[in-house]
Amino acid sequence: MAVFAHPDDVDFACAGTIAVWRDEGIEVAYLIVTRGESGGFDDTERAEIPRLREAEQRAAAAALGVEQVEHLDGYPDGALAPTLALRRDITAAIRRFRPDRVLTHAPLRRWEQLTGPSHPDHLAVGEATTCAVYPDARNRFAHPELIAEGLEPWVVREVWYAGGPAPDHAVDITDRFDRKLAAMRAHRSQTGHFEVESWIRDRLTTAADNAGLPPGRLVEAYTVLRTE
Protein backbone atom coordinates (compact mmCIF):
# COMPACT_ATOMS: atom_id res chain seq x y z
CA MET A 1 0.00 0.00 0.00
CA ALA A 2 1.38 3.39 -1.03
CA VAL A 3 0.39 6.45 1.04
CA PHE A 4 1.38 9.81 -0.45
CA ALA A 5 0.38 13.45 -0.13
CA HIS A 6 -0.40 14.47 -3.71
CA PRO A 7 -1.27 12.95 -7.07
CA ASP A 8 2.09 12.29 -8.83
CA ASP A 9 4.17 11.84 -5.63
CA VAL A 10 4.04 8.06 -5.84
CA ASP A 11 5.06 8.09 -9.52
CA PHE A 12 7.95 10.53 -9.17
CA ALA A 13 9.32 8.50 -6.26
CA CYS A 14 8.30 4.90 -6.75
CA ALA A 15 6.62 4.02 -10.07
CA GLY A 16 9.44 1.73 -11.17
CA THR A 17 9.36 -0.19 -7.89
CA ILE A 18 5.61 -0.59 -8.13
CA ALA A 19 6.01 -1.91 -11.68
CA VAL A 20 8.47 -4.50 -10.31
CA TRP A 21 6.02 -5.53 -7.60
CA ARG A 22 3.12 -5.83 -10.02
CA ASP A 23 5.26 -8.01 -12.32
CA GLU A 24 5.89 -10.24 -9.29
CA GLY A 25 2.15 -10.56 -8.71
CA ILE A 26 2.06 -8.29 -5.65
CA GLU A 27 -1.21 -6.41 -5.17
CA VAL A 28 -0.77 -2.65 -4.73
CA ALA A 29 -3.23 0.00 -3.58
CA TYR A 30 -2.78 3.78 -3.42
CA LEU A 31 -4.04 6.18 -0.76
CA ILE A 32 -3.57 9.81 -1.85
CA VAL A 33 -4.28 12.31 0.91
CA THR A 34 -5.13 15.35 -1.26
CA ARG A 35 -6.29 15.99 -4.80
CA GLY A 36 -3.41 18.37 -5.49
CA GLU A 37 -5.45 21.53 -5.93
CA SER A 38 -2.42 23.76 -5.26
CA GLY A 39 -0.39 22.24 -8.11
CA GLY A 40 -0.11 23.08 -11.78
CA PHE A 41 1.84 25.37 -14.04
CA ASP A 42 -0.69 26.87 -16.43
CA ASP A 43 -3.92 28.89 -16.37
CA THR A 44 -6.28 25.93 -15.91
CA GLU A 45 -9.20 26.99 -13.73
CA ARG A 46 -8.38 26.19 -10.11
CA ALA A 47 -11.77 24.57 -9.63
CA GLU A 48 -10.88 22.02 -12.32
CA ILE A 49 -7.55 20.97 -10.85
CA PRO A 50 -8.76 18.36 -8.31
CA ARG A 51 -10.82 16.50 -10.92
CA LEU A 52 -7.99 16.72 -13.46
CA ARG A 53 -5.30 15.51 -11.08
CA GLU A 54 -7.40 12.64 -9.78
CA ALA A 55 -7.93 11.48 -13.37
CA GLU A 56 -4.20 11.80 -14.05
CA GLN A 57 -3.40 9.70 -11.00
CA ARG A 58 -5.76 6.95 -12.09
CA ALA A 59 -4.23 6.94 -15.57
CA ALA A 60 -0.72 6.76 -14.10
CA ALA A 61 -1.76 3.88 -11.84
CA ALA A 62 -3.26 2.03 -14.80
CA ALA A 63 0.07 2.32 -16.66
CA LEU A 64 1.61 0.25 -13.85
CA GLY A 65 -1.26 -2.19 -13.44
CA VAL A 66 -2.62 -0.65 -10.21
CA GLU A 67 -6.40 -0.58 -9.97
CA GLN A 68 -7.08 0.53 -6.39
CA VAL A 69 -6.68 4.30 -6.01
CA GLU A 70 -8.34 6.17 -3.15
CA HIS A 71 -8.24 9.85 -2.25
CA LEU A 72 -9.09 11.18 1.18
CA ASP A 73 -11.56 14.03 1.57
CA GLY A 74 -11.12 17.12 3.68
CA TYR A 75 -7.34 17.52 3.53
CA PRO A 76 -6.28 20.66 1.64
CA ASP A 77 -3.17 20.59 -0.53
CA GLY A 78 -0.48 22.72 1.10
CA ALA A 79 -1.95 22.67 4.60
CA LEU A 80 -1.38 19.13 5.86
CA ALA A 81 -0.34 18.26 9.40
CA PRO A 82 0.09 14.87 11.12
CA THR A 83 -3.17 15.26 13.03
CA LEU A 84 -5.08 12.56 14.86
CA ALA A 85 -7.76 12.83 12.18
CA LEU A 86 -5.25 12.08 9.42
CA ARG A 87 -3.76 9.23 11.47
CA ARG A 88 -7.24 7.81 11.90
CA ASP A 89 -8.03 7.93 8.19
CA ILE A 90 -4.73 6.30 7.24
CA THR A 91 -5.24 3.69 9.98
CA ALA A 92 -8.69 2.94 8.56
CA ALA A 93 -7.19 2.42 5.10
CA ILE A 94 -4.46 0.15 6.48
CA ARG A 95 -7.01 -1.97 8.30
CA ARG A 96 -9.19 -2.09 5.19
CA PHE A 97 -6.41 -3.02 2.71
CA ARG A 98 -4.40 -5.08 5.26
CA PRO A 99 -1.01 -4.63 3.55
CA ASP A 100 2.20 -6.39 4.52
CA ARG A 101 4.22 -3.40 3.31
CA VAL A 102 3.52 0.34 3.39
CA LEU A 103 5.37 2.73 1.09
CA THR A 104 5.35 6.43 2.01
CA HIS A 105 7.28 9.69 2.29
CA ALA A 106 10.26 9.80 4.63
CA PRO A 107 9.20 12.06 7.53
CA LEU A 108 12.68 13.61 7.81
CA ARG A 109 13.52 17.08 6.58
CA ARG A 110 16.59 17.17 4.34
CA TRP A 111 18.44 20.43 4.78
CA GLU A 112 20.57 19.75 1.71
CA GLN A 113 17.43 19.25 -0.44
CA LEU A 114 14.76 21.66 0.72
CA THR A 115 12.53 21.13 -2.33
CA GLY A 116 10.81 17.85 -3.17
CA PRO A 117 11.31 15.45 -0.26
CA SER A 118 11.13 18.27 2.31
CA HIS A 119 7.75 19.60 1.18
CA PRO A 120 5.77 20.14 4.42
CA ASP A 121 2.89 18.01 3.11
CA HIS A 122 5.29 15.14 2.42
CA LEU A 123 6.73 15.33 5.92
CA ALA A 124 3.25 15.46 7.45
CA VAL A 125 2.02 12.41 5.54
CA GLY A 126 5.20 10.48 6.32
CA GLU A 127 4.80 11.20 10.03
CA ALA A 128 1.06 10.46 10.11
CA THR A 129 1.58 7.21 8.18
CA THR A 130 4.36 6.14 10.54
CA CYS A 131 2.07 6.72 13.51
CA ALA A 132 -0.74 4.87 11.75
CA VAL A 133 1.53 1.86 11.16
CA TYR A 134 2.69 1.94 14.78
CA PRO A 135 0.92 2.04 17.09
CA ASP A 136 -2.50 2.90 15.67
CA ALA A 137 -3.27 0.20 13.10
CA ARG A 138 -2.28 -2.68 15.38
CA ASN A 139 -3.84 -1.27 18.58
CA ARG A 140 -7.53 -2.05 18.92
CA PHE A 141 -7.87 0.72 21.52
CA ALA A 142 -6.63 3.39 19.08
CA HIS A 143 -9.51 5.06 17.21
CA PRO A 144 -12.04 2.65 18.80
CA GLU A 145 -14.75 3.77 16.40
CA LEU A 146 -12.95 1.80 13.69
CA ILE A 147 -13.74 -1.45 15.48
CA ALA A 148 -17.42 -0.52 15.33
CA GLU A 149 -16.97 -0.10 11.56
CA GLY A 150 -15.62 -3.65 11.32
CA LEU A 151 -11.99 -2.60 10.85
CA GLU A 152 -9.98 -4.96 13.02
CA PRO A 153 -6.35 -4.28 13.98
CA TRP A 154 -3.65 -5.08 11.46
CA VAL A 155 0.15 -5.35 11.71
CA VAL A 156 2.14 -3.86 8.82
CA ARG A 157 5.41 -5.78 8.67
CA GLU A 158 7.53 -3.35 6.62
CA VAL A 159 7.66 0.39 5.99
CA TRP A 160 9.47 1.68 2.91
CA TYR A 161 10.41 5.37 3.09
CA ALA A 162 11.03 7.30 -0.13
CA GLY A 163 13.02 10.51 -0.33
CA GLY A 164 14.89 10.25 2.95
CA PRO A 165 18.60 10.70 3.64
CA ALA A 166 21.06 7.79 3.34
CA PRO A 167 18.73 5.15 1.87
CA ASP A 168 19.73 1.56 2.56
CA HIS A 169 17.77 -0.39 -0.06
CA ALA A 170 17.99 -0.11 -3.85
CA VAL A 171 15.48 -1.38 -6.40
CA ASP A 172 16.86 -1.76 -9.92
CA ILE A 173 14.13 -0.44 -12.22
CA THR A 174 16.16 -0.29 -15.44
CA ASP A 175 13.84 -2.69 -17.24
CA ARG A 176 10.76 -0.81 -16.03
CA PHE A 177 11.97 2.69 -16.85
CA ASP A 178 9.57 3.08 -19.78
CA ARG A 179 6.63 2.29 -17.51
CA LYS A 180 7.81 4.75 -14.88
CA LEU A 181 8.14 7.37 -17.59
CA ALA A 182 4.62 6.63 -18.86
CA ALA A 183 3.23 6.99 -15.33
CA MET A 184 5.00 10.32 -14.83
CA ARG A 185 3.87 11.64 -18.20
CA ALA A 186 0.27 10.78 -17.29
CA HIS A 187 0.51 13.71 -14.86
CA ARG A 188 0.46 16.18 -17.72
CA SER A 189 -0.57 19.12 -15.56
CA GLN A 190 2.65 18.64 -13.56
CA THR A 191 5.15 17.39 -16.14
CA GLY A 192 4.07 19.03 -19.38
CA HIS A 193 6.31 22.06 -18.83
CA PHE A 194 9.69 20.25 -18.73
CA GLU A 195 11.62 17.38 -20.32
CA VAL A 196 10.74 14.53 -17.99
CA GLU A 197 12.94 11.75 -19.34
CA SER A 198 16.36 13.33 -18.93
CA TRP A 199 15.41 14.86 -15.58
CA ILE A 200 14.36 11.58 -13.99
CA ARG A 201 17.05 9.50 -15.71
CA ASP A 202 19.73 11.70 -14.15
CA ARG A 203 18.29 11.16 -10.68
CA LEU A 204 17.90 7.42 -11.08
CA THR A 205 21.45 7.15 -12.42
CA THR A 206 22.80 9.01 -9.39
CA ALA A 207 20.85 6.66 -7.10
CA ALA A 208 22.32 3.66 -8.92
CA ASP A 209 25.85 5.07 -8.61
CA ASN A 210 25.32 5.69 -4.89
CA ALA A 211 24.10 2.09 -4.48
CA GLY A 212 27.18 0.70 -6.24
CA LEU A 213 25.39 -0.67 -9.31
CA PRO A 214 27.17 -0.93 -12.67
CA PRO A 215 27.01 1.94 -15.17
CA GLY A 216 23.77 2.11 -17.13
CA ARG A 217 21.53 0.89 -14.32
CA LEU A 218 18.65 2.93 -12.87
CA VAL A 219 17.58 2.74 -9.23
CA GLU A 220 14.85 3.89 -6.88
CA ALA A 221 16.21 3.96 -3.32
CA TYR A 222 14.51 3.62 0.07
CA THR A 223 15.00 3.27 3.76
CA VAL A 224 13.29 0.01 4.75
CA LEU A 225 12.23 -0.77 8.31
CA ARG A 226 10.84 -3.98 9.77
CA THR A 227 8.20 -3.33 12.40
CA GLU A 228 8.35 -6.64 14.27
C-alpha atoms as a PDB file:
ATOM      1  CA  MET A   1       0.000   0.000   0.000  1.00  0.00           C
ATOM      2  CA  ALA A   2       1.379   3.395  -1.027  1.00  0.00           C
ATOM      3  CA  VAL A   3       0.394   6.451   1.044  1.00  0.00           C
ATOM      4  CA  PHE A   4       1.384   9.806  -0.446  1.00  0.00           C
ATOM      5  CA  ALA A   5       0.385  13.446  -0.127  1.00  0.00           C
ATOM      6  CA  HIS A   6      -0.402  14.472  -3.707  1.00  0.00           C
ATOM      7  CA  PRO A   7      -1.266  12.949  -7.066  1.00  0.00           C
ATOM      8  CA  ASP A   8       2.085  12.289  -8.829  1.00  0.00           C
ATOM      9  CA  ASP A   9       4.166  11.838  -5.633  1.00  0.00           C
ATOM     10  CA  VAL A  10       4.039   8.060  -5.844  1.00  0.00           C
ATOM     11  CA  ASP A  11       5.058   8.090  -9.516  1.00  0.00           C
ATOM     12  CA  PHE A  12       7.948  10.529  -9.166  1.00  0.00           C
ATOM     13  CA  ALA A  13       9.322   8.498  -6.255  1.00  0.00           C
ATOM     14  CA  CYS A  14       8.298   4.898  -6.745  1.00  0.00           C
ATOM     15  CA  ALA A  15       6.624   4.017 -10.066  1.00  0.00           C
ATOM     16  CA  GLY A  16       9.443   1.725 -11.167  1.00  0.00           C
ATOM     17  CA  THR A  17       9.364  -0.186  -7.894  1.00  0.00           C
ATOM     18  CA  ILE A  18       5.609  -0.589  -8.132  1.00  0.00           C
ATOM     19  CA  ALA A  19       6.014  -1.914 -11.678  1.00  0.00           C
ATOM     20  CA  VAL A  20       8.473  -4.503 -10.309  1.00  0.00           C
ATOM     21  CA  TRP A  21       6.023  -5.529  -7.598  1.00  0.00           C
ATOM     22  CA  ARG A  22       3.124  -5.832 -10.024  1.00  0.00           C
ATOM     23  CA  ASP A  23       5.261  -8.007 -12.316  1.00  0.00           C
ATOM     24  CA  GLU A  24       5.893 -10.235  -9.295  1.00  0.00           C
ATOM     25  CA  GLY A  25       2.150 -10.559  -8.709  1.00  0.00           C
ATOM     26  CA  ILE A  26       2.061  -8.294  -5.652  1.00  0.00           C
ATOM     27  CA  GLU A  27      -1.211  -6.413  -5.173  1.00  0.00           C
ATOM     28  CA  VAL A  28      -0.770  -2.654  -4.733  1.00  0.00           C
ATOM     29  CA  ALA A  29      -3.229   0.002  -3.579  1.00  0.00           C
ATOM     30  CA  TYR A  30      -2.777   3.780  -3.419  1.00  0.00           C
ATOM     31  CA  LEU A  31      -4.043   6.181  -0.765  1.00  0.00           C
ATOM     32  CA  ILE A  32      -3.568   9.805  -1.846  1.00  0.00           C
ATOM     33  CA  VAL A  33      -4.279  12.313   0.914  1.00  0.00           C
ATOM     34  CA  THR A  34      -5.132  15.349  -1.265  1.00  0.00           C
ATOM     35  CA  ARG A  35      -6.286  15.993  -4.799  1.00  0.00           C
ATOM     36  CA  GLY A  36      -3.414  18.372  -5.488  1.00  0.00           C
ATOM     37  CA  GLU A  37      -5.447  21.535  -5.927  1.00  0.00           C
ATOM     38  CA  SER A  38      -2.422  23.764  -5.264  1.00  0.00           C
ATOM     39  CA  GLY A  39      -0.388  22.239  -8.108  1.00  0.00           C
ATOM     40  CA  GLY A  40      -0.112  23.080 -11.776  1.00  0.00           C
ATOM     41  CA  PHE A  41       1.843  25.371 -14.044  1.00  0.00           C
ATOM     42  CA  ASP A  42      -0.688  26.875 -16.431  1.00  0.00           C
ATOM     43  CA  ASP A  43      -3.916  28.886 -16.372  1.00  0.00           C
ATOM     44  CA  THR A  44      -6.283  25.929 -15.908  1.00  0.00           C
ATOM     45  CA  GLU A  45      -9.204  26.989 -13.734  1.00  0.00           C
ATOM     46  CA  ARG A  46      -8.380  26.185 -10.110  1.00  0.00           C
ATOM     47  CA  ALA A  47     -11.773  24.571  -9.629  1.00  0.00           C
ATOM     48  CA  GLU A  48     -10.883  22.020 -12.316  1.00  0.00           C
ATOM     49  CA  ILE A  49      -7.551  20.974 -10.854  1.00  0.00           C
ATOM     50  CA  PRO A  50      -8.763  18.362  -8.314  1.00  0.00           C
ATOM     51  CA  ARG A  51     -10.816  16.503 -10.924  1.00  0.00           C
ATOM     52  CA  LEU A  52      -7.991  16.722 -13.456  1.00  0.00           C
ATOM     53  CA  ARG A  53      -5.303  15.510 -11.080  1.00  0.00           C
ATOM     54  CA  GLU A  54      -7.396  12.641  -9.778  1.00  0.00           C
ATOM     55  CA  ALA A  55      -7.930  11.477 -13.367  1.00  0.00           C
ATOM     56  CA  GLU A  56      -4.200  11.804 -14.052  1.00  0.00           C
ATOM     57  CA  GLN A  57      -3.396   9.698 -10.997  1.00  0.00           C
ATOM     58  CA  ARG A  58      -5.762   6.951 -12.090  1.00  0.00           C
ATOM     59  CA  ALA A  59      -4.226   6.941 -15.572  1.00  0.00           C
ATOM     60  CA  ALA A  60      -0.725   6.761 -14.097  1.00  0.00           C
ATOM     61  CA  ALA A  61      -1.758   3.881 -11.844  1.00  0.00           C
ATOM     62  CA  ALA A  62      -3.256   2.031 -14.798  1.00  0.00           C
ATOM     63  CA  ALA A  63       0.065   2.324 -16.659  1.00  0.00           C
ATOM     64  CA  LEU A  64       1.607   0.253 -13.846  1.00  0.00           C
ATOM     65  CA  GLY A  65      -1.261  -2.186 -13.441  1.00  0.00           C
ATOM     66  CA  VAL A  66      -2.616  -0.654 -10.211  1.00  0.00           C
ATOM     67  CA  GLU A  67      -6.403  -0.579  -9.972  1.00  0.00           C
ATOM     68  CA  GLN A  68      -7.083   0.529  -6.390  1.00  0.00           C
ATOM     69  CA  VAL A  69      -6.677   4.299  -6.009  1.00  0.00           C
ATOM     70  CA  GLU A  70      -8.344   6.172  -3.153  1.00  0.00           C
ATOM     71  CA  HIS A  71      -8.242   9.855  -2.252  1.00  0.00           C
ATOM     72  CA  LEU A  72      -9.090  11.178   1.185  1.00  0.00           C
ATOM     73  CA  ASP A  73     -11.559  14.026   1.568  1.00  0.00           C
ATOM     74  CA  GLY A  74     -11.123  17.125   3.681  1.00  0.00           C
ATOM     75  CA  TYR A  75      -7.340  17.518   3.534  1.00  0.00           C
ATOM     76  CA  PRO A  76      -6.278  20.662   1.640  1.00  0.00           C
ATOM     77  CA  ASP A  77      -3.173  20.591  -0.529  1.00  0.00           C
ATOM     78  CA  GLY A  78      -0.483  22.722   1.098  1.00  0.00           C
ATOM     79  CA  ALA A  79      -1.950  22.669   4.601  1.00  0.00           C
ATOM     80  CA  LEU A  80      -1.380  19.126   5.862  1.00  0.00           C
ATOM     81  CA  ALA A  81      -0.339  18.263   9.397  1.00  0.00           C
ATOM     82  CA  PRO A  82       0.086  14.865  11.125  1.00  0.00           C
ATOM     83  CA  THR A  83      -3.169  15.263  13.027  1.00  0.00           C
ATOM     84  CA  LEU A  84      -5.078  12.559  14.858  1.00  0.00           C
ATOM     85  CA  ALA A  85      -7.758  12.828  12.176  1.00  0.00           C
ATOM     86  CA  LEU A  86      -5.248  12.076   9.420  1.00  0.00           C
ATOM     87  CA  ARG A  87      -3.757   9.231  11.467  1.00  0.00           C
ATOM     88  CA  ARG A  88      -7.245   7.814  11.897  1.00  0.00           C
ATOM     89  CA  ASP A  89      -8.030   7.931   8.190  1.00  0.00           C
ATOM     90  CA  ILE A  90      -4.726   6.301   7.243  1.00  0.00           C
ATOM     91  CA  THR A  91      -5.240   3.693   9.976  1.00  0.00           C
ATOM     92  CA  ALA A  92      -8.693   2.937   8.563  1.00  0.00           C
ATOM     93  CA  ALA A  93      -7.187   2.420   5.103  1.00  0.00           C
ATOM     94  CA  ILE A  94      -4.459   0.148   6.478  1.00  0.00           C
ATOM     95  CA  ARG A  95      -7.014  -1.972   8.295  1.00  0.00           C
ATOM     96  CA  ARG A  96      -9.188  -2.089   5.186  1.00  0.00           C
ATOM     97  CA  PHE A  97      -6.414  -3.021   2.715  1.00  0.00           C
ATOM     98  CA  ARG A  98      -4.396  -5.081   5.260  1.00  0.00           C
ATOM     99  CA  PRO A  99      -1.009  -4.633   3.547  1.00  0.00           C
ATOM    100  CA  ASP A 100       2.200  -6.391   4.516  1.00  0.00           C
ATOM    101  CA  ARG A 101       4.219  -3.398   3.308  1.00  0.00           C
ATOM    102  CA  VAL A 102       3.518   0.344   3.388  1.00  0.00           C
ATOM    103  CA  LEU A 103       5.371   2.733   1.092  1.00  0.00           C
ATOM    104  CA  THR A 104       5.347   6.433   2.012  1.00  0.00           C
ATOM    105  CA  HIS A 105       7.283   9.693   2.295  1.00  0.00           C
ATOM    106  CA  ALA A 106      10.255   9.805   4.634  1.00  0.00           C
ATOM    107  CA  PRO A 107       9.197  12.064   7.535  1.00  0.00           C
ATOM    108  CA  LEU A 108      12.676  13.610   7.814  1.00  0.00           C
ATOM    109  CA  ARG A 109      13.524  17.079   6.579  1.00  0.00           C
ATOM    110  CA  ARG A 110      16.589  17.171   4.338  1.00  0.00           C
ATOM    111  CA  TRP A 111      18.436  20.431   4.780  1.00  0.00           C
ATOM    112  CA  GLU A 112      20.568  19.754   1.710  1.00  0.00           C
ATOM    113  CA  GLN A 113      17.434  19.254  -0.438  1.00  0.00           C
ATOM    114  CA  LEU A 114      14.755  21.658   0.720  1.00  0.00           C
ATOM    115  CA  THR A 115      12.532  21.127  -2.332  1.00  0.00           C
ATOM    116  CA  GLY A 116      10.808  17.855  -3.168  1.00  0.00           C
ATOM    117  CA  PRO A 117      11.313  15.450  -0.255  1.00  0.00           C
ATOM    118  CA  SER A 118      11.134  18.270   2.307  1.00  0.00           C
ATOM    119  CA  HIS A 119       7.746  19.604   1.181  1.00  0.00           C
ATOM    120  CA  PRO A 120       5.766  20.137   4.419  1.00  0.00           C
ATOM    121  CA  ASP A 121       2.886  18.011   3.105  1.00  0.00           C
ATOM    122  CA  HIS A 122       5.286  15.141   2.420  1.00  0.00           C
ATOM    123  CA  LEU A 123       6.734  15.333   5.918  1.00  0.00           C
ATOM    124  CA  ALA A 124       3.253  15.462   7.448  1.00  0.00           C
ATOM    125  CA  VAL A 125       2.025  12.413   5.543  1.00  0.00           C
ATOM    126  CA  GLY A 126       5.201  10.479   6.317  1.00  0.00           C
ATOM    127  CA  GLU A 127       4.795  11.204  10.028  1.00  0.00           C
ATOM    128  CA  ALA A 128       1.058  10.459  10.106  1.00  0.00           C
ATOM    129  CA  THR A 129       1.581   7.214   8.184  1.00  0.00           C
ATOM    130  CA  THR A 130       4.358   6.139  10.535  1.00  0.00           C
ATOM    131  CA  CYS A 131       2.068   6.721  13.510  1.00  0.00           C
ATOM    132  CA  ALA A 132      -0.742   4.866  11.749  1.00  0.00           C
ATOM    133  CA  VAL A 133       1.531   1.865  11.160  1.00  0.00           C
ATOM    134  CA  TYR A 134       2.688   1.942  14.780  1.00  0.00           C
ATOM    135  CA  PRO A 135       0.920   2.042  17.093  1.00  0.00           C
ATOM    136  CA  ASP A 136      -2.499   2.896  15.667  1.00  0.00           C
ATOM    137  CA  ALA A 137      -3.274   0.197  13.102  1.00  0.00           C
ATOM    138  CA  ARG A 138      -2.284  -2.685  15.383  1.00  0.00           C
ATOM    139  CA  ASN A 139      -3.841  -1.274  18.582  1.00  0.00           C
ATOM    140  CA  ARG A 140      -7.534  -2.052  18.918  1.00  0.00           C
ATOM    141  CA  PHE A 141      -7.875   0.723  21.519  1.00  0.00           C
ATOM    142  CA  ALA A 142      -6.633   3.393  19.084  1.00  0.00           C
ATOM    143  CA  HIS A 143      -9.511   5.061  17.214  1.00  0.00           C
ATOM    144  CA  PRO A 144     -12.041   2.651  18.798  1.00  0.00           C
ATOM    145  CA  GLU A 145     -14.753   3.775  16.404  1.00  0.00           C
ATOM    146  CA  LEU A 146     -12.948   1.802  13.691  1.00  0.00           C
ATOM    147  CA  ILE A 147     -13.745  -1.446  15.479  1.00  0.00           C
ATOM    148  CA  ALA A 148     -17.418  -0.519  15.325  1.00  0.00           C
ATOM    149  CA  GLU A 149     -16.967  -0.102  11.563  1.00  0.00           C
ATOM    150  CA  GLY A 150     -15.623  -3.652  11.324  1.00  0.00           C
ATOM    151  CA  LEU A 151     -11.989  -2.596  10.853  1.00  0.00           C
ATOM    152  CA  GLU A 152      -9.979  -4.958  13.016  1.00  0.00           C
ATOM    153  CA  PRO A 153      -6.346  -4.280  13.984  1.00  0.00           C
ATOM    154  CA  TRP A 154      -3.646  -5.085  11.457  1.00  0.00           C
ATOM    155  CA  VAL A 155       0.152  -5.350  11.709  1.00  0.00           C
ATOM    156  CA  VAL A 156       2.137  -3.865   8.816  1.00  0.00           C
ATOM    157  CA  ARG A 157       5.409  -5.782   8.666  1.00  0.00           C
ATOM    158  CA  GLU A 158       7.529  -3.349   6.618  1.00  0.00           C
ATOM    159  CA  VAL A 159       7.659   0.392   5.992  1.00  0.00           C
ATOM    160  CA  TRP A 160       9.471   1.679   2.913  1.00  0.00           C
ATOM    161  CA  TYR A 161      10.409   5.372   3.093  1.00  0.00           C
ATOM    162  CA  ALA A 162      11.034   7.296  -0.128  1.00  0.00           C
ATOM    163  CA  GLY A 163      13.020  10.513  -0.326  1.00  0.00           C
ATOM    164  CA  GLY A 164      14.889  10.248   2.947  1.00  0.00           C
ATOM    165  CA  PRO A 165      18.604  10.702   3.645  1.00  0.00           C
ATOM    166  CA  ALA A 166      21.058   7.795   3.341  1.00  0.00           C
ATOM    167  CA  PRO A 167      18.730   5.149   1.868  1.00  0.00           C
ATOM    168  CA  ASP A 168      19.726   1.562   2.556  1.00  0.00           C
ATOM    169  CA  HIS A 169      17.774  -0.394  -0.055  1.00  0.00           C
ATOM    170  CA  ALA A 170      17.993  -0.107  -3.853  1.00  0.00           C
ATOM    171  CA  VAL A 171      15.477  -1.378  -6.400  1.00  0.00           C
ATOM    172  CA  ASP A 172      16.864  -1.760  -9.923  1.00  0.00           C
ATOM    173  CA  ILE A 173      14.129  -0.439 -12.218  1.00  0.00           C
ATOM    174  CA  THR A 174      16.158  -0.290 -15.436  1.00  0.00           C
ATOM    175  CA  ASP A 175      13.837  -2.691 -17.240  1.00  0.00           C
ATOM    176  CA  ARG A 176      10.756  -0.805 -16.032  1.00  0.00           C
ATOM    177  CA  PHE A 177      11.966   2.693 -16.850  1.00  0.00           C
ATOM    178  CA  ASP A 178       9.573   3.078 -19.776  1.00  0.00           C
ATOM    179  CA  ARG A 179       6.629   2.289 -17.513  1.00  0.00           C
ATOM    180  CA  LYS A 180       7.808   4.746 -14.884  1.00  0.00           C
ATOM    181  CA  LEU A 181       8.137   7.375 -17.589  1.00  0.00           C
ATOM    182  CA  ALA A 182       4.623   6.628 -18.860  1.00  0.00           C
ATOM    183  CA  ALA A 183       3.232   6.995 -15.329  1.00  0.00           C
ATOM    184  CA  MET A 184       5.005  10.316 -14.833  1.00  0.00           C
ATOM    185  CA  ARG A 185       3.866  11.643 -18.203  1.00  0.00           C
ATOM    186  CA  ALA A 186       0.271  10.783 -17.289  1.00  0.00           C
ATOM    187  CA  HIS A 187       0.507  13.710 -14.859  1.00  0.00           C
ATOM    188  CA  ARG A 188       0.464  16.178 -17.720  1.00  0.00           C
ATOM    189  CA  SER A 189      -0.568  19.122 -15.562  1.00  0.00           C
ATOM    190  CA  GLN A 190       2.654  18.641 -13.561  1.00  0.00           C
ATOM    191  CA  THR A 191       5.148  17.388 -16.135  1.00  0.00           C
ATOM    192  CA  GLY A 192       4.074  19.033 -19.381  1.00  0.00           C
ATOM    193  CA  HIS A 193       6.311  22.059 -18.835  1.00  0.00           C
ATOM    194  CA  PHE A 194       9.687  20.254 -18.733  1.00  0.00           C
ATOM    195  CA  GLU A 195      11.615  17.380 -20.318  1.00  0.00           C
ATOM    196  CA  VAL A 196      10.743  14.528 -17.988  1.00  0.00           C
ATOM    197  CA  GLU A 197      12.942  11.750 -19.340  1.00  0.00           C
ATOM    198  CA  SER A 198      16.362  13.329 -18.932  1.00  0.00           C
ATOM    199  CA  TRP A 199      15.408  14.861 -15.581  1.00  0.00           C
ATOM    200  CA  ILE A 200      14.356  11.578 -13.989  1.00  0.00           C
ATOM    201  CA  ARG A 201      17.050   9.496 -15.707  1.00  0.00           C
ATOM    202  CA  ASP A 202      19.735  11.701 -14.147  1.00  0.00           C
ATOM    203  CA  ARG A 203      18.295  11.162 -10.683  1.00  0.00           C
ATOM    204  CA  LEU A 204      17.905   7.419 -11.076  1.00  0.00           C
ATOM    205  CA  THR A 205      21.452   7.149 -12.425  1.00  0.00           C
ATOM    206  CA  THR A 206      22.798   9.006  -9.391  1.00  0.00           C
ATOM    207  CA  ALA A 207      20.851   6.664  -7.098  1.00  0.00           C
ATOM    208  CA  ALA A 208      22.324   3.660  -8.922  1.00  0.00           C
ATOM    209  CA  ASP A 209      25.851   5.070  -8.610  1.00  0.00           C
ATOM    210  CA  ASN A 210      25.323   5.691  -4.892  1.00  0.00           C
ATOM    211  CA  ALA A 211      24.103   2.093  -4.481  1.00  0.00           C
ATOM    212  CA  GLY A 212      27.181   0.705  -6.240  1.00  0.00           C
ATOM    213  CA  LEU A 213      25.389  -0.669  -9.307  1.00  0.00           C
ATOM    214  CA  PRO A 214      27.172  -0.934 -12.672  1.00  0.00           C
ATOM    215  CA  PRO A 215      27.010   1.944 -15.171  1.00  0.00           C
ATOM    216  CA  GLY A 216      23.772   2.109 -17.128  1.00  0.00           C
ATOM    217  CA  ARG A 217      21.533   0.888 -14.320  1.00  0.00           C
ATOM    218  CA  LEU A 218      18.655   2.932 -12.870  1.00  0.00           C
ATOM    219  CA  VAL A 219      17.584   2.739  -9.231  1.00  0.00           C
ATOM    220  CA  GLU A 220      14.852   3.893  -6.878  1.00  0.00           C
ATOM    221  CA  ALA A 221      16.210   3.957  -3.316  1.00  0.00           C
ATOM    222  CA  TYR A 222      14.512   3.618   0.067  1.00  0.00           C
ATOM    223  CA  THR A 223      14.999   3.271   3.763  1.00  0.00           C
ATOM    224  CA  VAL A 224      13.292   0.012   4.750  1.00  0.00           C
ATOM    225  CA  LEU A 225      12.228  -0.774   8.315  1.00  0.00           C
ATOM    226  CA  ARG A 226      10.842  -3.979   9.773  1.00  0.00           C
ATOM    227  CA  THR A 227       8.202  -3.332  12.401  1.00  0.00           C
ATOM    228  CA  GLU A 228       8.350  -6.639  14.267  1.00  0.00           C
END
